[in-house]
Structures are given as C-alpha cells and as structure tokens.
C-alpha cells in the first residue's frame, strides 16, 4: 500500500527539496521513497512545447504522405 502526501516544497541553494518537518515522522530512516515533482509552467513554456511537438511531428511528414490527405 502506498500513501500520498502533497505539500509545497522549495529547491534549496544546494539543489535539494525542502520537506516540511511534520512529514519527517511519516518516513522511515534510510528507506527509499517515491517522489513525483509537479512544476507550474508558464504559458510561454507551454507554447514552446506545443511548437516543438508540432515541429517534430511535421519533420517526419513526407510529400508521399499527401496521398492520405485525399482519402475519404
């Protein structure tokens, strides 16, 4: 069974995540835990990813693929 804990964390100057003190009692010492990191992306970053995705998709498009555009 897995338990999930959600909290805000900051990246410290030495590139570590800060964990609230209240959660340390939930973790066993020297035990590996699973961490999922969610980062809010700005609209500019989302647009850049969408552009890159489209660019990579069309990079694989060849003129011979145009035959599929005319299928009904």
Protein backbone atom coordinates (compact mmCIF):
# COMPACT_ATOMS: atom_id res chain seq x y z
CA UNK A 1 0.00 0.00 0.00
CA UNK A 2 1.25 3.49 -0.79
CA UNK A 3 0.35 6.71 0.97
CA UNK A 4 0.43 10.04 -0.80
CA UNK A 5 1.35 13.35 0.81
CA UNK A 6 1.01 16.63 -1.04
CA UNK A 7 2.94 19.70 0.07
CA UNK A 8 4.70 22.74 -1.27
CA UNK A 9 8.49 22.48 -1.42
CA UNK A 10 11.30 24.80 -2.35
CA UNK A 11 14.56 23.95 -4.07
CA UNK A 12 17.39 24.92 -1.73
CA UNK A 13 20.60 26.55 -2.97
CA UNK A 14 22.36 23.17 -2.69
CA UNK A 15 19.79 21.63 -5.11
CA UNK A 16 17.72 19.74 -2.55
CA UNK A 17 13.98 19.80 -1.94
CA UNK A 18 12.76 21.07 1.39
CA UNK A 19 10.32 18.75 3.14
CA UNK A 20 8.04 20.05 5.90
CA UNK A 21 9.18 18.93 9.36
CA UNK A 22 5.72 17.47 10.08
CA UNK A 23 6.27 14.83 7.37
CA UNK A 24 9.59 13.53 8.63
CA UNK A 25 7.77 11.41 11.23
CA UNK A 26 6.00 9.63 8.36
CA UNK A 27 9.25 8.45 6.73
CA UNK A 28 11.41 5.61 7.98
CA UNK A 29 15.12 6.42 8.22
CA UNK A 30 17.23 5.11 5.33
CA UNK A 31 14.14 3.98 3.41
CA UNK A 32 13.72 4.85 -0.25
CA UNK A 33 10.60 6.86 -1.03
CA UNK A 34 8.93 7.62 -4.34
CA UNK A 35 8.77 11.30 -5.27
CA UNK A 36 6.69 12.91 -8.02
CA UNK A 37 7.50 16.52 -8.87
CA UNK A 38 4.91 18.80 -10.47
CA UNK A 39 6.09 22.18 -11.74
CA UNK A 40 3.81 25.01 -12.84
CA UNK A 41 4.83 26.01 -16.34
CA UNK A 42 4.27 29.46 -17.70
CA UNK A 43 2.13 29.97 -20.81
CA UNK A 44 5.31 30.73 -22.78
CA UNK A 45 6.81 27.36 -21.88
CA UNK A 46 3.60 25.53 -22.79
CA UNK A 47 3.52 27.32 -26.14
CA UNK A 48 7.17 26.43 -26.77
CA UNK A 49 6.46 22.74 -26.05
CA UNK A 50 3.42 22.79 -28.36
CA UNK A 51 5.53 24.36 -31.10
CA UNK A 52 8.31 21.79 -30.64
CA UNK A 53 5.79 18.94 -30.72
CA UNK A 54 4.24 20.19 -33.97
CA UNK A 55 7.68 20.82 -35.46
CA UNK A 56 8.83 17.28 -34.66
CA UNK A 57 5.59 15.80 -35.98
CA UNK A 58 5.86 17.59 -39.31
CA UNK A 59 9.58 16.82 -39.59
CA UNK A 60 8.53 13.21 -40.20
CA UNK A 61 5.97 14.22 -42.86
CA UNK A 62 6.98 13.46 -46.42
CA UNK A 63 5.40 14.60 -49.71
CA UNK A 64 4.47 10.96 -50.38
CA UNK A 65 2.21 11.13 -47.30
CA UNK A 66 -0.05 13.60 -49.13
CA UNK A 67 -1.90 10.64 -50.68
CA UNK A 68 -3.57 10.10 -47.29
CA UNK A 69 -4.92 13.66 -47.27
CA UNK A 70 -7.21 12.78 -50.19
CA UNK A 71 -8.84 9.67 -48.68
CA UNK A 72 -12.50 9.90 -47.83
